[in-house]
Protein backbone atom coordinates (compact mmCIF):
# COMPACT_ATOMS: atom_id res chain seq x y z
CA UNK A 1 43.58 -162.15 -199.43
CA UNK A 2 44.71 -159.27 -201.62
CA UNK A 3 42.51 -156.74 -199.81
CA UNK A 4 44.13 -153.81 -198.02
CA UNK A 5 42.23 -152.15 -195.17
CA UNK A 6 43.22 -148.91 -193.44
CA UNK A 7 41.91 -148.96 -189.88
CA UNK A 8 41.21 -145.63 -188.14
CA UNK A 9 39.32 -147.16 -185.24
CA UNK A 10 39.39 -147.99 -181.55
CA UNK A 11 36.85 -149.24 -179.09
CA UNK A 12 34.60 -152.10 -180.10
CA UNK A 13 32.88 -151.97 -183.47
CA UNK A 14 35.77 -150.80 -185.66
CA UNK A 15 38.50 -153.00 -184.15
CA UNK A 16 36.32 -156.11 -184.20
CA UNK A 17 35.35 -155.43 -187.82
CA UNK A 18 38.94 -154.96 -188.95
CA UNK A 19 40.21 -157.84 -186.79
CA UNK A 20 37.71 -160.15 -188.50
CA UNK A 21 38.91 -158.95 -191.90
CA UNK A 22 42.53 -159.52 -190.82
CA UNK A 23 41.65 -163.00 -189.52
CA UNK A 24 40.19 -163.74 -192.95
CA UNK A 25 43.41 -162.69 -194.68
CA UNK A 26 43.07 -158.98 -195.41
CA UNK A 27 46.14 -156.78 -194.99
CA UNK A 28 44.95 -154.43 -192.23
CA UNK A 29 47.04 -151.40 -191.31
CA UNK A 30 45.93 -149.78 -188.06
CA UNK A 31 46.69 -146.07 -187.83
CA UNK A 32 46.93 -144.57 -184.36
CA UNK A 33 47.34 -140.91 -183.52
CA UNK A 34 50.39 -139.92 -181.51
CA UNK A 35 48.21 -137.71 -179.31
CA UNK A 36 45.53 -140.34 -178.68
CA UNK A 37 46.76 -143.95 -178.69
CA UNK A 38 44.36 -146.88 -178.79
CA UNK A 39 42.66 -147.14 -175.42
CA UNK A 40 43.19 -150.93 -175.34
CA UNK A 41 46.87 -150.18 -174.66
CA UNK A 42 45.97 -148.87 -171.21
CA UNK A 43 47.09 -145.65 -169.57
CA UNK A 44 49.76 -146.90 -167.22
CA UNK A 45 52.47 -144.21 -167.04
CA UNK A 46 54.85 -145.95 -164.65
CA UNK A 47 58.44 -145.89 -165.97
CA UNK A 48 58.77 -149.70 -166.16
CA UNK A 49 55.56 -149.97 -168.21
CA UNK A 50 56.82 -147.37 -170.66
CA UNK A 51 60.50 -148.41 -170.76
CA UNK A 52 59.65 -152.08 -171.31
CA UNK A 53 57.02 -151.11 -173.92
CA UNK A 54 54.33 -153.04 -172.07
CA UNK A 55 51.72 -151.04 -174.02
CA UNK A 56 52.73 -153.20 -177.01
CA UNK A 57 52.16 -156.37 -174.98
CA UNK A 58 48.86 -155.56 -173.26
CA UNK A 59 46.72 -158.67 -173.73
CA UNK A 60 43.55 -156.68 -174.44
CA UNK A 61 45.35 -154.65 -177.13
CA UNK A 62 46.79 -157.77 -178.74
CA UNK A 63 43.40 -159.51 -178.76
CA UNK A 64 41.63 -156.58 -180.42
CA UNK A 65 44.39 -155.97 -182.96
CA UNK A 66 45.69 -159.41 -183.83
CA UNK A 67 46.83 -160.01 -187.39
CA UNK A 68 47.10 -156.26 -188.06
CA UNK A 69 50.08 -154.15 -188.88
CA UNK A 70 50.23 -150.76 -187.20
CA UNK A 71 51.69 -147.31 -187.53
CA UNK A 72 51.49 -144.26 -185.30
CA UNK A 73 51.15 -140.92 -187.08
CA UNK A 74 50.62 -137.32 -186.10
CA UNK A 75 47.76 -136.57 -188.47
CA UNK A 76 47.81 -132.88 -187.54
CA UNK A 77 51.22 -132.52 -189.19
CA UNK A 78 51.72 -132.45 -192.99
CA UNK A 79 54.10 -135.45 -192.95
CA UNK A 80 51.68 -137.64 -190.99
CA UNK A 81 48.70 -136.60 -193.09
CA UNK A 82 50.65 -137.17 -196.31
CA UNK A 83 51.64 -140.68 -195.26
CA UNK A 84 48.05 -141.52 -194.24
CA UNK A 85 46.79 -140.24 -197.61
CA UNK A 86 49.39 -142.38 -199.43
CA UNK A 87 48.24 -145.46 -197.51
CA UNK A 88 44.59 -144.70 -198.29
CA UNK A 89 45.39 -144.15 -201.98
CA UNK A 90 46.57 -147.78 -202.18
CA UNK A 91 43.76 -149.31 -200.06
CA UNK A 92 40.52 -151.08 -200.87
CA UNK A 93 38.69 -150.13 -197.67
CA UNK A 94 38.95 -147.51 -194.93
CA UNK A 95 37.22 -148.18 -191.62
CA UNK A 96 36.70 -145.53 -188.93
CA UNK A 97 34.51 -145.15 -185.90
CA UNK A 98 35.27 -141.62 -184.80
CA UNK A 99 32.71 -138.85 -184.49
CA UNK A 100 31.64 -137.78 -187.98
CA UNK A 101 33.75 -134.60 -188.11
CA UNK A 102 37.12 -136.09 -187.10
CA UNK A 103 38.48 -137.44 -190.39
CA UNK A 104 37.14 -134.56 -192.53
CA UNK A 105 38.79 -132.03 -190.19
CA UNK A 106 42.07 -133.89 -190.60
CA UNK A 107 41.85 -133.90 -194.39
CA UNK A 108 40.81 -137.54 -194.63
CA UNK A 109 37.09 -137.18 -195.33
CA UNK A 110 35.46 -139.18 -198.11
CA UNK A 111 35.29 -136.15 -200.41
CA UNK A 112 39.11 -136.00 -200.33
CA UNK A 113 40.14 -139.66 -200.13
CA UNK A 114 37.75 -140.70 -202.91
CA UNK A 115 39.70 -138.38 -205.24
CA UNK A 116 42.94 -140.08 -204.18
CA UNK A 117 41.38 -143.50 -204.76
CA UNK A 118 38.10 -143.57 -206.74
CA UNK A 119 37.58 -147.30 -206.05
CA UNK A 120 37.91 -146.87 -202.29
CA UNK A 121 35.13 -148.08 -200.02
CA UNK A 122 34.86 -146.08 -196.80
CA UNK A 123 32.96 -147.48 -193.84
CA UNK A 124 32.27 -145.07 -191.00
CA UNK A 125 30.51 -146.24 -187.88
CA UNK A 126 30.35 -143.40 -185.41
CA UNK A 127 28.59 -144.24 -182.19
CA UNK A 128 25.54 -142.13 -183.05
CA UNK A 129 25.33 -142.41 -186.83
CA UNK A 130 25.82 -139.55 -189.26
CA UNK A 131 22.46 -137.87 -189.71
CA UNK A 132 21.64 -136.63 -186.22
CA UNK A 133 22.92 -133.97 -183.86
CA UNK A 134 24.37 -136.68 -181.61
CA UNK A 135 26.65 -137.76 -184.48
CA UNK A 136 29.02 -135.03 -183.31
CA UNK A 137 29.06 -136.29 -179.75
CA UNK A 138 32.37 -137.40 -178.25
CA UNK A 139 30.58 -139.95 -176.05
CA UNK A 140 31.61 -143.56 -176.38
CA UNK A 141 29.23 -145.11 -173.86
CA UNK A 142 25.92 -143.35 -174.45
CA UNK A 143 23.91 -145.39 -171.96
CA UNK A 144 26.11 -144.49 -169.02
CA UNK A 145 27.20 -140.98 -169.93
CA UNK A 146 25.67 -137.95 -168.30
CA UNK A 147 24.90 -136.51 -171.73
CA UNK A 148 22.40 -139.22 -172.70
CA UNK A 149 19.36 -139.92 -170.57
CA UNK A 150 17.07 -141.72 -172.99
CA UNK A 151 16.82 -145.02 -174.86
CA UNK A 152 15.13 -144.60 -178.24
CA UNK A 153 13.20 -147.63 -179.49
CA UNK A 154 12.73 -147.88 -183.27
CA UNK A 155 9.35 -149.64 -183.11
CA UNK A 156 6.11 -149.45 -181.22
CA UNK A 157 6.61 -150.75 -177.69
CA UNK A 158 3.76 -153.24 -178.05
CA UNK A 159 5.63 -154.91 -180.95
CA UNK A 160 8.60 -155.83 -178.76
CA UNK A 161 8.81 -159.38 -177.43
CA UNK A 162 7.44 -159.39 -173.85
CA UNK A 163 10.78 -160.54 -172.36
CA UNK A 164 12.74 -157.91 -174.30
CA UNK A 165 10.22 -155.27 -173.26
CA UNK A 166 10.59 -156.20 -169.58
CA UNK A 167 14.39 -156.18 -169.93
CA UNK A 168 14.35 -152.77 -171.61
CA UNK A 169 12.13 -151.26 -168.91
CA UNK A 170 14.21 -152.83 -166.13
CA UNK A 171 17.46 -151.62 -167.71
CA UNK A 172 16.07 -148.12 -168.14
CA UNK A 173 14.84 -148.01 -164.54
CA UNK A 174 18.15 -149.32 -163.14
CA UNK A 175 20.09 -146.69 -165.10
CA UNK A 176 17.62 -143.85 -164.54
CA UNK A 177 16.87 -143.66 -168.25
CA UNK A 178 13.69 -142.66 -170.00
CA UNK A 179 12.25 -144.91 -172.73
CA UNK A 180 10.49 -143.29 -175.64
CA UNK A 181 9.47 -144.61 -179.05
CA UNK A 182 11.75 -143.49 -181.91
């Protein structure tokens, strides 16, 4: 209670994180881009779906975003960016899970928002981290995308539990992936 969170996320990790915070009493404001709405809304373009605003009632969207307030902004326009910056200036936490260059390109990178709000905590969780070339990847599902053909294991293979090791090898074989130590 008394914590304001600005949520620039979609998919799994970010929405579940901010949903948990909202369930615990935080004031979470989800910001969606006009050009790229949250994928949990679905992509049904039939007139009835749009006219009856069924995208607001999609069960999967409501489950992932319960207890949140929301606003749709065009962050590429000065008015949208200004409003987002005003929301961030009054927040305790910003959560995003875009590729690492998205918010900085929009004028919402940590180097800018921390000047608007020096006490702000910013949590970024891009799919591939921030310190590797893959951090700039647009992929959401790395295991199944054509761009990724390898599972990297951050330990020696002989240190993995035998059952986990067998699962990893079976998964890699079934998905035509290569396993290599990290």
